[in-house]
Amino acid sequence: MQTSSQTHVKIINADPSALGLFGLAIVTLVASSQKLGLTTGLSYAIPWAIFLGACAQLFACIQDSKRNNTFGTTAFGAFAFFWFAMAGNWMIKMGVFGTALANDVDGKQLGFAFAGYLVFVLFMTIGAMETHKVLFIIFCLIDLLFLGLTFDAFGVAPHIFHTLAAYAEMGIGIMSLYGTGALVLNTHFGKTFLPIGKPFGIFKDHN
């Protein structure tokens, strides 16, 4: 008489949020330095947009999907493809793909894309309220970034909204670096080494 046995293996994936936030931090620091006039040109911004802003966040998106984290999957995925698109837009503007494309640029098309992302990040900000306060602050700054980018692209008080976008983007970079450090060290030490703030508990019961 033969007997069969089954072995169940549970695969646990590490939380990819720290890597995703690190990618966001680096690309926003580089991009905001250009907006604020601290650096010039976009040539060196493009690789960081592709590899940190896009690839690092896309990796975090895929890993969060394996963890059944809809919020993280959607957030990291949406921003990964945003930075892929921005790198492409910059290359078109710089003539990498030829003068025909460079001469046919209409900045208002970016305005519509930014407006769509503004709507997206507004409801993602609500979701961030039930994650932790550092992420909520990051999303509030992202709201201001896309508000500034949208009105700047449409030519509405471009100087004011360009400056708003620049400082909001720098703030995103700083807060994302803190969030990266906090998530890594808190997990590594198994305790709250750097506080990230509890969820608000308004829309979701965390007890």
N, C-alpha and C. Protein backbone atom coordinates (compact mmCIF):
# COMPACT_ATOMS: atom_id res chain seq x y z
N MET A 1 0.84 -1.19 0.00
CA MET A 1 0.00 0.00 0.00
C MET A 1 0.88 1.25 0.00
N GLN A 2 0.60 2.13 -0.97
CA GLN A 2 1.39 3.33 -1.08
C GLN A 2 0.64 4.51 -0.49
N THR A 3 1.38 5.37 0.15
CA THR A 3 0.80 6.60 0.71
C THR A 3 1.50 7.79 0.07
N SER A 4 0.76 8.83 -0.13
CA SER A 4 1.33 10.05 -0.72
C SER A 4 1.27 11.18 0.30
N SER A 5 2.24 12.01 0.25
CA SER A 5 2.28 13.15 1.16
C SER A 5 2.50 14.43 0.36
N GLN A 6 1.97 15.51 0.87
CA GLN A 6 2.12 16.80 0.21
C GLN A 6 2.88 17.75 1.13
N THR A 7 3.75 18.51 0.52
CA THR A 7 4.50 19.51 1.26
C THR A 7 4.12 20.89 0.74
N HIS A 8 3.69 21.74 1.63
CA HIS A 8 3.32 23.10 1.25
C HIS A 8 4.47 24.04 1.60
N VAL A 9 4.91 24.77 0.60
CA VAL A 9 6.02 25.71 0.77
C VAL A 9 5.47 27.13 0.67
N LYS A 10 5.73 27.91 1.68
CA LYS A 10 5.29 29.30 1.69
C LYS A 10 6.48 30.19 1.35
N ILE A 11 6.34 30.96 0.27
CA ILE A 11 7.41 31.87 -0.15
C ILE A 11 7.09 33.26 0.37
N ILE A 12 8.01 33.81 1.12
CA ILE A 12 7.82 35.15 1.68
C ILE A 12 8.74 36.13 0.96
N ASN A 13 8.16 37.12 0.32
CA ASN A 13 8.94 38.13 -0.37
C ASN A 13 9.17 39.34 0.55
N ALA A 14 10.36 39.88 0.49
CA ALA A 14 10.66 41.08 1.28
C ALA A 14 9.84 42.25 0.78
N ASP A 15 9.54 43.17 1.67
CA ASP A 15 8.80 44.38 1.32
C ASP A 15 9.66 45.24 0.39
N PRO A 16 9.21 45.52 -0.84
CA PRO A 16 10.02 46.28 -1.79
C PRO A 16 9.85 47.79 -1.67
N SER A 17 9.07 48.24 -0.69
CA SER A 17 8.74 49.67 -0.60
C SER A 17 9.98 50.55 -0.45
N ALA A 18 10.96 50.09 0.33
CA ALA A 18 12.17 50.89 0.55
C ALA A 18 12.91 51.14 -0.76
N LEU A 19 13.04 50.10 -1.59
CA LEU A 19 13.72 50.26 -2.87
C LEU A 19 12.91 51.18 -3.79
N GLY A 20 11.59 51.00 -3.80
CA GLY A 20 10.76 51.85 -4.62
C GLY A 20 10.87 53.31 -4.22
N LEU A 21 10.84 53.58 -2.91
CA LEU A 21 10.98 54.95 -2.42
C LEU A 21 12.37 55.51 -2.72
N PHE A 22 13.40 54.64 -2.67
CA PHE A 22 14.74 55.11 -2.99
C PHE A 22 14.83 55.56 -4.45
N GLY A 23 14.23 54.76 -5.34
CA GLY A 23 14.21 55.14 -6.75
C GLY A 23 13.50 56.47 -6.95
N LEU A 24 12.38 56.66 -6.26
CA LEU A 24 11.63 57.91 -6.34
C LEU A 24 12.46 59.06 -5.79
N ALA A 25 13.16 58.81 -4.68
CA ALA A 25 13.97 59.86 -4.04
C ALA A 25 15.05 60.38 -4.97
N ILE A 26 15.80 59.48 -5.56
CA ILE A 26 16.94 59.91 -6.37
C ILE A 26 16.50 60.66 -7.61
N VAL A 27 15.49 60.15 -8.31
CA VAL A 27 15.09 60.82 -9.55
C VAL A 27 14.46 62.18 -9.26
N THR A 28 13.72 62.31 -8.17
CA THR A 28 13.11 63.61 -7.87
C THR A 28 14.17 64.61 -7.40
N LEU A 29 15.19 64.15 -6.70
CA LEU A 29 16.27 65.06 -6.32
C LEU A 29 16.99 65.59 -7.56
N VAL A 30 17.27 64.71 -8.51
CA VAL A 30 17.96 65.13 -9.73
C VAL A 30 17.08 66.07 -10.55
N ALA A 31 15.81 65.67 -10.74
CA ALA A 31 14.90 66.48 -11.56
C ALA A 31 14.63 67.84 -10.93
N SER A 32 14.45 67.87 -9.61
CA SER A 32 14.17 69.14 -8.95
C SER A 32 15.37 70.07 -8.98
N SER A 33 16.58 69.52 -8.97
CA SER A 33 17.76 70.37 -9.05
C SER A 33 17.79 71.15 -10.36
N GLN A 34 17.27 70.53 -11.43
CA GLN A 34 17.20 71.21 -12.73
C GLN A 34 16.11 72.27 -12.72
N LYS A 35 14.96 71.95 -12.12
CA LYS A 35 13.85 72.91 -12.06
C LYS A 35 14.23 74.14 -11.23
N LEU A 36 15.00 73.92 -10.16
CA LEU A 36 15.38 75.01 -9.27
C LEU A 36 16.57 75.81 -9.78
N GLY A 37 17.14 75.38 -10.90
CA GLY A 37 18.28 76.08 -11.47
C GLY A 37 19.60 75.76 -10.79
N LEU A 38 19.61 74.72 -9.95
CA LEU A 38 20.86 74.31 -9.30
C LEU A 38 21.76 73.57 -10.27
N THR A 39 21.15 72.94 -11.27
CA THR A 39 21.89 72.28 -12.35
C THR A 39 21.24 72.68 -13.66
N THR A 40 21.90 72.37 -14.75
CA THR A 40 21.36 72.72 -16.07
C THR A 40 21.31 71.49 -16.97
N GLY A 41 20.36 71.51 -17.89
CA GLY A 41 20.24 70.45 -18.87
C GLY A 41 19.54 69.21 -18.31
N LEU A 42 19.20 68.29 -19.23
CA LEU A 42 18.48 67.08 -18.85
C LEU A 42 19.23 65.81 -19.23
N SER A 43 20.40 65.95 -19.84
CA SER A 43 21.12 64.77 -20.33
C SER A 43 21.41 63.77 -19.22
N TYR A 44 21.88 64.27 -18.08
CA TYR A 44 22.19 63.37 -16.97
C TYR A 44 20.95 62.98 -16.17
N ALA A 45 19.85 63.69 -16.36
CA ALA A 45 18.62 63.34 -15.66
C ALA A 45 17.97 62.10 -16.27
N ILE A 46 18.17 61.91 -17.56
CA ILE A 46 17.49 60.81 -18.27
C ILE A 46 17.88 59.43 -17.72
N PRO A 47 19.18 59.11 -17.53
CA PRO A 47 19.51 57.78 -16.99
C PRO A 47 18.90 57.54 -15.61
N TRP A 48 18.88 58.57 -14.76
CA TRP A 48 18.30 58.39 -13.43
C TRP A 48 16.79 58.19 -13.52
N ALA A 49 16.16 58.86 -14.48
CA ALA A 49 14.72 58.68 -14.68
C ALA A 49 14.42 57.24 -15.11
N ILE A 50 15.26 56.70 -15.99
CA ILE A 50 15.01 55.35 -16.52
C ILE A 50 15.34 54.28 -15.47
N PHE A 51 16.51 54.36 -14.87
CA PHE A 51 16.96 53.27 -14.01
C PHE A 51 16.48 53.37 -12.57
N LEU A 52 16.36 54.58 -12.03
CA LEU A 52 15.88 54.73 -10.65
C LEU A 52 14.40 55.04 -10.61
N GLY A 53 14.00 56.08 -11.31
CA GLY A 53 12.59 56.46 -11.29
C GLY A 53 11.70 55.39 -11.89
N ALA A 54 12.16 54.76 -12.99
CA ALA A 54 11.33 53.78 -13.68
C ALA A 54 11.62 52.34 -13.27
N CYS A 55 12.84 51.88 -13.49
CA CYS A 55 13.14 50.45 -13.27
C CYS A 55 13.03 50.05 -11.81
N ALA A 56 13.55 50.87 -10.89
CA ALA A 56 13.49 50.51 -9.47
C ALA A 56 12.04 50.44 -9.00
N GLN A 57 11.23 51.39 -9.45
CA GLN A 57 9.83 51.38 -9.03
C GLN A 57 9.04 50.28 -9.73
N LEU A 58 9.42 49.94 -10.95
CA LEU A 58 8.75 48.83 -11.64
C LEU A 58 9.05 47.52 -10.92
N PHE A 59 10.30 47.35 -10.46
CA PHE A 59 10.65 46.16 -9.69
C PHE A 59 9.81 46.09 -8.41
N ALA A 60 9.68 47.24 -7.72
CA ALA A 60 8.87 47.28 -6.50
C ALA A 60 7.42 46.97 -6.81
N CYS A 61 6.94 47.45 -7.94
CA CYS A 61 5.56 47.17 -8.36
C CYS A 61 5.34 45.66 -8.53
N ILE A 62 6.25 45.00 -9.23
CA ILE A 62 6.11 43.57 -9.49
C ILE A 62 6.18 42.77 -8.18
N GLN A 63 7.08 43.15 -7.30
CA GLN A 63 7.20 42.45 -6.02
C GLN A 63 5.98 42.67 -5.14
N ASP A 64 5.44 43.90 -5.15
CA ASP A 64 4.23 44.16 -4.37
C ASP A 64 3.05 43.37 -4.92
N SER A 65 3.03 43.15 -6.22
CA SER A 65 1.97 42.35 -6.82
C SER A 65 2.02 40.92 -6.29
N LYS A 66 3.21 40.38 -6.11
CA LYS A 66 3.37 39.03 -5.55
C LYS A 66 2.91 38.97 -4.10
N ARG A 67 2.96 40.12 -3.43
CA ARG A 67 2.53 40.19 -2.02
C ARG A 67 1.05 40.53 -1.91
N ASN A 68 0.35 40.61 -3.04
CA ASN A 68 -1.08 40.95 -3.09
C ASN A 68 -1.35 42.34 -2.50
N ASN A 69 -0.42 43.25 -2.76
CA ASN A 69 -0.55 44.63 -2.29
C ASN A 69 -1.00 45.50 -3.46
N THR A 70 -2.29 45.69 -3.58
CA THR A 70 -2.86 46.45 -4.70
C THR A 70 -2.39 47.90 -4.68
N PHE A 71 -2.38 48.50 -3.50
CA PHE A 71 -1.97 49.91 -3.39
C PHE A 71 -0.53 50.11 -3.85
N GLY A 72 0.39 49.30 -3.31
CA GLY A 72 1.80 49.43 -3.68
C GLY A 72 2.03 49.11 -5.14
N THR A 73 1.37 48.07 -5.64
CA THR A 73 1.51 47.70 -7.05
C THR A 73 1.10 48.84 -7.96
N THR A 74 -0.05 49.44 -7.66
CA THR A 74 -0.58 50.51 -8.50
C THR A 74 0.28 51.76 -8.40
N ALA A 75 0.66 52.14 -7.19
CA ALA A 75 1.46 53.36 -6.99
C ALA A 75 2.82 53.24 -7.67
N PHE A 76 3.57 52.19 -7.35
CA PHE A 76 4.90 52.05 -7.92
C PHE A 76 4.84 51.84 -9.44
N GLY A 77 3.84 51.09 -9.91
CA GLY A 77 3.71 50.86 -11.35
C GLY A 77 3.39 52.14 -12.10
N ALA A 78 2.47 52.93 -11.57
CA ALA A 78 2.07 54.17 -12.23
C ALA A 78 3.23 55.15 -12.32
N PHE A 79 4.02 55.25 -11.25
CA PHE A 79 5.14 56.18 -11.27
C PHE A 79 6.32 55.64 -12.06
N ALA A 80 6.47 54.33 -12.12
CA ALA A 80 7.52 53.75 -12.96
C ALA A 80 7.29 54.13 -14.42
N PHE A 81 6.06 53.94 -14.88
CA PHE A 81 5.77 54.25 -16.28
C PHE A 81 5.74 55.76 -16.53
N PHE A 82 5.44 56.53 -15.50
CA PHE A 82 5.54 57.99 -15.62
C PHE A 82 6.97 58.39 -15.97
N TRP A 83 7.94 57.81 -15.25
CA TRP A 83 9.33 58.19 -15.50
C TRP A 83 9.86 57.63 -16.80
N PHE A 84 9.38 56.47 -17.23
CA PHE A 84 9.72 56.01 -18.58
C PHE A 84 9.24 57.04 -19.60
N ALA A 85 8.00 57.51 -19.43
CA ALA A 85 7.42 58.47 -20.37
C ALA A 85 8.17 59.80 -20.33
N MET A 86 8.52 60.27 -19.12
CA MET A 86 9.22 61.54 -19.01
C MET A 86 10.60 61.47 -19.67
N ALA A 87 11.29 60.35 -19.49
CA ALA A 87 12.59 60.18 -20.15
C ALA A 87 12.42 60.24 -21.66
N GLY A 88 11.36 59.60 -22.17
CA GLY A 88 11.08 59.65 -23.60
C GLY A 88 10.75 61.06 -24.06
N ASN A 89 9.95 61.77 -23.27
CA ASN A 89 9.60 63.16 -23.63
C ASN A 89 10.84 64.04 -23.70
N TRP A 90 11.72 63.89 -22.70
CA TRP A 90 12.95 64.69 -22.69
C TRP A 90 13.82 64.38 -23.91
N MET A 91 13.91 63.10 -24.27
CA MET A 91 14.73 62.73 -25.42
C MET A 91 14.15 63.27 -26.72
N ILE A 92 12.81 63.26 -26.82
CA ILE A 92 12.17 63.84 -27.99
C ILE A 92 12.48 65.34 -28.08
N LYS A 93 12.33 66.03 -26.94
CA LYS A 93 12.56 67.47 -26.89
C LYS A 93 14.00 67.82 -27.25
N MET A 94 14.94 66.95 -26.88
CA MET A 94 16.36 67.19 -27.13
C MET A 94 16.79 66.76 -28.54
N GLY A 95 15.86 66.19 -29.31
CA GLY A 95 16.16 65.82 -30.68
C GLY A 95 16.81 64.47 -30.86
N VAL A 96 16.76 63.62 -29.82
CA VAL A 96 17.39 62.30 -29.90
C VAL A 96 16.76 61.47 -31.01
N PHE A 97 15.44 61.63 -31.20
CA PHE A 97 14.73 60.83 -32.21
C PHE A 97 14.50 61.61 -33.50
N GLY A 98 15.24 62.69 -33.69
CA GLY A 98 15.15 63.45 -34.94
C GLY A 98 14.45 64.79 -34.76
N THR A 99 14.68 65.67 -35.71
CA THR A 99 14.13 67.03 -35.64
C THR A 99 12.63 67.06 -35.89
N ALA A 100 12.12 66.10 -36.66
CA ALA A 100 10.68 66.10 -36.96
C ALA A 100 9.86 65.98 -35.68
N LEU A 101 10.24 65.05 -34.80
CA LEU A 101 9.53 64.91 -33.54
C LEU A 101 9.79 66.10 -32.63
N ALA A 102 11.03 66.57 -32.58
CA ALA A 102 11.37 67.69 -31.71
C ALA A 102 10.61 68.96 -32.09
N ASN A 103 10.39 69.17 -33.38
CA ASN A 103 9.70 70.37 -33.85
C ASN A 103 8.19 70.28 -33.73
N ASP A 104 7.67 69.09 -33.39
CA ASP A 104 6.23 68.88 -33.33
C ASP A 104 5.74 68.76 -31.89
N VAL A 105 6.51 69.28 -30.95
CA VAL A 105 6.18 69.17 -29.53
C VAL A 105 5.13 70.20 -29.14
N ASP A 106 4.11 69.76 -28.41
CA ASP A 106 3.10 70.66 -27.85
C ASP A 106 3.02 70.38 -26.35
N GLY A 107 3.53 71.32 -25.56
CA GLY A 107 3.59 71.14 -24.12
C GLY A 107 2.25 70.93 -23.45
N LYS A 108 1.17 71.40 -24.10
CA LYS A 108 -0.15 71.23 -23.49
C LYS A 108 -0.58 69.77 -23.44
N GLN A 109 -0.01 68.93 -24.30
CA GLN A 109 -0.30 67.49 -24.22
C GLN A 109 0.23 66.93 -22.90
N LEU A 110 1.39 67.44 -22.47
CA LEU A 110 1.89 67.05 -21.15
C LEU A 110 0.94 67.52 -20.06
N GLY A 111 0.33 68.67 -20.26
CA GLY A 111 -0.61 69.20 -19.29
C GLY A 111 -1.76 68.24 -19.04
N PHE A 112 -2.27 67.65 -20.10
CA PHE A 112 -3.37 66.69 -19.94
C PHE A 112 -2.90 65.43 -19.20
N ALA A 113 -1.69 64.98 -19.50
CA ALA A 113 -1.14 63.81 -18.79
C ALA A 113 -0.93 64.14 -17.31
N PHE A 114 -0.39 65.32 -17.03
CA PHE A 114 -0.17 65.73 -15.64
C PHE A 114 -1.50 65.87 -14.90
N ALA A 115 -2.51 66.39 -15.58
CA ALA A 115 -3.83 66.54 -14.96
C ALA A 115 -4.41 65.17 -14.59
N GLY A 116 -4.21 64.19 -15.47
CA GLY A 116 -4.66 62.83 -15.18
C GLY A 116 -3.95 62.26 -13.97
N TYR A 117 -2.65 62.49 -13.90
CA TYR A 117 -1.88 62.02 -12.74
C TYR A 117 -2.29 62.76 -11.48
N LEU A 118 -2.66 64.03 -11.61
CA LEU A 118 -3.11 64.78 -10.44
C LEU A 118 -4.35 64.14 -9.83
N VAL A 119 -5.30 63.77 -10.67
CA VAL A 119 -6.51 63.09 -10.19
C VAL A 119 -6.13 61.76 -9.54
N PHE A 120 -5.22 61.04 -10.18
CA PHE A 120 -4.77 59.75 -9.66
C PHE A 120 -4.15 59.89 -8.28
N VAL A 121 -3.23 60.85 -8.11
CA VAL A 121 -2.52 60.96 -6.84
C VAL A 121 -3.43 61.49 -5.73
N LEU A 122 -4.49 62.21 -6.10
CA LEU A 122 -5.42 62.69 -5.07
C LEU A 122 -6.11 61.52 -4.37
N PHE A 123 -6.58 60.54 -5.15
CA PHE A 123 -7.23 59.41 -4.47
C PHE A 123 -6.21 58.44 -3.87
N MET A 124 -4.98 58.43 -4.42
CA MET A 124 -3.94 57.62 -3.80
C MET A 124 -3.51 58.23 -2.46
N THR A 125 -3.63 59.55 -2.34
CA THR A 125 -3.32 60.22 -1.07
C THR A 125 -4.26 59.75 0.02
N ILE A 126 -5.52 59.54 -0.34
CA ILE A 126 -6.49 59.02 0.62
C ILE A 126 -6.06 57.63 1.10
N GLY A 127 -5.60 56.81 0.16
CA GLY A 127 -5.11 55.48 0.53
C GLY A 127 -3.87 55.54 1.40
N ALA A 128 -3.00 56.51 1.13
CA ALA A 128 -1.77 56.65 1.91
C ALA A 128 -2.06 57.00 3.37
N MET A 129 -3.22 57.60 3.63
CA MET A 129 -3.57 57.94 5.01
C MET A 129 -3.65 56.70 5.89
N GLU A 130 -3.96 55.57 5.30
CA GLU A 130 -4.10 54.34 6.06
C GLU A 130 -2.88 53.43 5.90
N THR A 131 -1.76 54.00 5.47
CA THR A 131 -0.50 53.26 5.40
C THR A 131 0.42 53.74 6.52
N HIS A 132 1.01 54.90 6.34
CA HIS A 132 1.74 55.55 7.43
C HIS A 132 1.90 57.03 7.08
N LYS A 133 2.25 57.84 8.05
CA LYS A 133 2.24 59.29 7.87
C LYS A 133 3.35 59.79 6.95
N VAL A 134 4.49 59.12 6.92
CA VAL A 134 5.56 59.53 6.01
C VAL A 134 5.08 59.40 4.56
N LEU A 135 4.42 58.28 4.26
CA LEU A 135 3.91 58.09 2.90
C LEU A 135 2.82 59.11 2.59
N PHE A 136 1.99 59.44 3.58
CA PHE A 136 0.95 60.44 3.39
C PHE A 136 1.58 61.80 3.05
N ILE A 137 2.64 62.18 3.75
CA ILE A 137 3.31 63.44 3.46
C ILE A 137 3.90 63.43 2.06
N ILE A 138 4.50 62.30 1.67
CA ILE A 138 5.06 62.18 0.32
C ILE A 138 3.97 62.38 -0.73
N PHE A 139 2.81 61.77 -0.51
CA PHE A 139 1.73 61.91 -1.49
C PHE A 139 1.16 63.33 -1.50
N CYS A 140 1.13 64.00 -0.36
CA CYS A 140 0.69 65.40 -0.34
C CYS A 140 1.63 66.26 -1.18
N LEU A 141 2.93 66.00 -1.07
CA LEU A 141 3.91 66.72 -1.88
C LEU A 141 3.76 66.37 -3.36
N ILE A 142 3.44 65.11 -3.66
CA ILE A 142 3.21 64.71 -5.04
C ILE A 142 1.97 65.42 -5.60
N ASP A 143 0.95 65.61 -4.75
CA ASP A 143 -0.22 66.39 -5.17
C ASP A 143 0.21 67.78 -5.62
N LEU A 144 1.04 68.43 -4.80
CA LEU A 144 1.51 69.79 -5.13
C LEU A 144 2.37 69.77 -6.38
N LEU A 145 3.18 68.72 -6.54
CA LEU A 145 4.02 68.60 -7.74
C LEU A 145 3.17 68.57 -9.00
N PHE A 146 2.16 67.71 -9.02
CA PHE A 146 1.35 67.59 -10.23
C PHE A 146 0.42 68.79 -10.43
N LEU A 147 0.03 69.44 -9.34
CA LEU A 147 -0.71 70.69 -9.48
C LEU A 147 0.17 71.72 -10.19
N GLY A 148 1.42 71.84 -9.73
CA GLY A 148 2.34 72.78 -10.36
C GLY A 148 2.67 72.41 -11.80
N LEU A 149 2.94 71.13 -12.04
CA LEU A 149 3.27 70.68 -13.40
C LEU A 149 2.12 70.92 -14.37
N THR A 150 0.90 70.65 -13.91
CA THR A 150 -0.27 70.80 -14.78
C THR A 150 -0.45 72.24 -15.22
N PHE A 151 -0.51 73.16 -14.26
CA PHE A 151 -0.73 74.57 -14.62
C PHE A 151 0.46 75.16 -15.36
N ASP A 152 1.67 74.70 -15.04
CA ASP A 152 2.86 75.16 -15.76
C ASP A 152 2.79 74.73 -17.21
N ALA A 153 2.39 73.48 -17.46
CA ALA A 153 2.32 72.96 -18.83
C ALA A 153 1.25 73.68 -19.64
N PHE A 154 0.17 74.09 -18.99
CA PHE A 154 -0.89 74.82 -19.70
C PHE A 154 -0.61 76.32 -19.80
N GLY A 155 0.52 76.76 -19.23
CA GLY A 155 0.91 78.15 -19.34
C GLY A 155 0.18 79.10 -18.40
N VAL A 156 -0.41 78.56 -17.33
CA VAL A 156 -1.12 79.38 -16.34
C VAL A 156 -0.13 79.78 -15.25
N ALA A 157 0.18 81.07 -15.16
CA ALA A 157 1.16 81.58 -14.18
C ALA A 157 2.36 80.63 -14.12
N PRO A 158 3.04 80.43 -15.26
CA PRO A 158 4.08 79.40 -15.32
C PRO A 158 5.19 79.55 -14.29
N HIS A 159 5.59 80.79 -13.98
CA HIS A 159 6.69 80.97 -13.03
C HIS A 159 6.30 80.46 -11.64
N ILE A 160 5.10 80.84 -11.19
CA ILE A 160 4.65 80.46 -9.85
C ILE A 160 4.51 78.94 -9.74
N PHE A 161 3.84 78.35 -10.72
CA PHE A 161 3.58 76.90 -10.64
C PHE A 161 4.82 76.08 -10.94
N HIS A 162 5.73 76.62 -11.74
CA HIS A 162 7.00 75.92 -11.97
C HIS A 162 7.79 75.87 -10.66
N THR A 163 7.80 76.99 -9.93
CA THR A 163 8.51 77.04 -8.65
C THR A 163 7.86 76.11 -7.62
N LEU A 164 6.51 76.09 -7.60
CA LEU A 164 5.79 75.18 -6.71
C LEU A 164 6.17 73.74 -6.99
N ALA A 165 6.19 73.37 -8.28
CA ALA A 165 6.55 72.00 -8.67
C ALA A 165 7.98 71.67 -8.25
N ALA A 166 8.87 72.63 -8.42
CA ALA A 166 10.29 72.39 -8.12
C ALA A 166 10.50 72.11 -6.64
N TYR A 167 9.92 72.95 -5.78
CA TYR A 167 10.12 72.77 -4.34
C TYR A 167 9.39 71.53 -3.82
N ALA A 168 8.20 71.25 -4.38
CA ALA A 168 7.47 70.04 -3.99
C ALA A 168 8.26 68.80 -4.37
N GLU A 169 8.89 68.83 -5.55
CA GLU A 169 9.67 67.68 -6.00
C GLU A 169 10.91 67.47 -5.13
N MET A 170 11.55 68.56 -4.73
CA MET A 170 12.69 68.44 -3.82
C MET A 170 12.23 67.85 -2.48
N GLY A 171 11.07 68.29 -2.00
CA GLY A 171 10.52 67.75 -0.76
C GLY A 171 10.22 66.26 -0.86
N ILE A 172 9.72 65.84 -2.02
CA ILE A 172 9.45 64.41 -2.25
C ILE A 172 10.75 63.62 -2.12
N GLY A 173 11.82 64.13 -2.72
CA GLY A 173 13.11 63.44 -2.66
C GLY A 173 13.61 63.29 -1.24
N ILE A 174 13.51 64.37 -0.46
CA ILE A 174 13.99 64.34 0.93
C ILE A 174 13.16 63.38 1.78
N MET A 175 11.83 63.49 1.67
CA MET A 175 10.96 62.63 2.47
C MET A 175 11.07 61.16 2.04
N SER A 176 11.27 60.92 0.76
CA SER A 176 11.41 59.54 0.28
C SER A 176 12.71 58.92 0.77
N LEU A 177 13.78 59.72 0.86
CA LEU A 177 15.02 59.21 1.43
C LEU A 177 14.84 58.82 2.89
N TYR A 178 14.12 59.68 3.63
CA TYR A 178 13.85 59.35 5.03
C TYR A 178 13.01 58.07 5.12
N GLY A 179 11.99 57.98 4.28
CA GLY A 179 11.14 56.79 4.28
C GLY A 179 11.92 55.53 3.95
N THR A 180 12.86 55.64 3.02
CA THR A 180 13.71 54.49 2.68
C THR A 180 14.51 54.04 3.89
N GLY A 181 15.18 55.00 4.52
CA GLY A 181 15.99 54.66 5.69
C GLY A 181 15.16 54.07 6.81
N ALA A 182 13.99 54.66 7.04
CA ALA A 182 13.13 54.17 8.13
C ALA A 182 12.66 52.75 7.86
N LEU A 183 12.20 52.46 6.65
CA LEU A 183 11.69 51.13 6.34
C LEU A 183 12.79 50.07 6.43
N VAL A 184 13.98 50.40 5.95
CA VAL A 184 15.08 49.44 5.99
C VAL A 184 15.52 49.17 7.43
N LEU A 185 15.76 50.24 8.18
CA LEU A 185 16.29 50.08 9.54
C LEU A 185 15.25 49.51 10.49
N ASN A 186 14.00 49.92 10.35
CA ASN A 186 12.95 49.38 11.22
C ASN A 186 12.79 47.88 11.01
N THR A 187 12.86 47.46 9.74
CA THR A 187 12.75 46.02 9.45
C THR A 187 14.00 45.29 9.90
N HIS A 188 15.15 45.89 9.65
CA HIS A 188 16.42 45.23 9.98
C HIS A 188 16.58 45.01 11.48
N PHE A 189 16.19 46.01 12.27
CA PHE A 189 16.35 45.92 13.72
C PHE A 189 15.13 45.34 14.42
N GLY A 190 14.04 45.19 13.69
CA GLY A 190 12.83 44.62 14.28
C GLY A 190 12.17 45.52 15.30
N LYS A 191 12.37 46.81 15.17
CA LYS A 191 11.76 47.78 16.09
C LYS A 191 11.69 49.14 15.40
N THR A 192 11.01 50.09 16.02
CA THR A 192 10.91 51.43 15.43
C THR A 192 12.20 52.19 15.69
N PHE A 193 13.09 52.14 14.72
CA PHE A 193 14.36 52.87 14.81
C PHE A 193 14.17 54.31 14.37
N LEU A 194 13.42 54.49 13.28
CA LEU A 194 13.03 55.82 12.80
C LEU A 194 11.51 55.82 12.66
N PRO A 195 10.81 56.73 13.30
CA PRO A 195 9.34 56.71 13.25
C PRO A 195 8.80 57.08 11.88
N ILE A 196 7.74 56.41 11.48
CA ILE A 196 7.07 56.74 10.22
C ILE A 196 5.63 57.18 10.45
N GLY A 197 5.16 57.09 11.68
CA GLY A 197 3.82 57.55 12.01
C GLY A 197 2.76 56.50 11.72
N LYS A 198 1.85 56.34 12.65
CA LYS A 198 0.79 55.36 12.49
C LYS A 198 -0.25 55.83 11.47
N PRO A 199 -1.00 54.89 10.88
CA PRO A 199 -2.10 55.27 9.99
C PRO A 199 -3.12 56.13 10.73
N PHE A 200 -3.87 56.94 9.99
CA PHE A 200 -4.84 57.83 10.61
C PHE A 200 -6.02 57.08 11.24
N GLY A 201 -6.36 55.93 10.68
CA GLY A 201 -7.45 55.15 11.22
C GLY A 201 -8.82 55.76 10.98
N ILE A 202 -8.96 56.55 9.93
CA ILE A 202 -10.24 57.19 9.61
C ILE A 202 -11.10 56.30 8.74
N PHE A 203 -10.50 55.70 7.73
CA PHE A 203 -11.24 54.90 6.77
C PHE A 203 -11.07 53.39 6.97
N LYS A 204 -10.12 53.02 7.84
CA LYS A 204 -9.81 51.61 8.02
C LYS A 204 -9.47 51.34 9.47
N ASP A 205 -10.03 50.30 10.01
CA ASP A 205 -9.76 49.93 11.40
C ASP A 205 -8.48 49.10 11.44
N HIS A 206 -7.49 49.56 12.19
CA HIS A 206 -6.20 48.87 12.26
C HIS A 206 -6.03 48.06 13.53
N ASN A 207 -7.08 47.97 14.34
CA ASN A 207 -7.02 47.18 15.57
C ASN A 207 -7.09 45.69 15.28
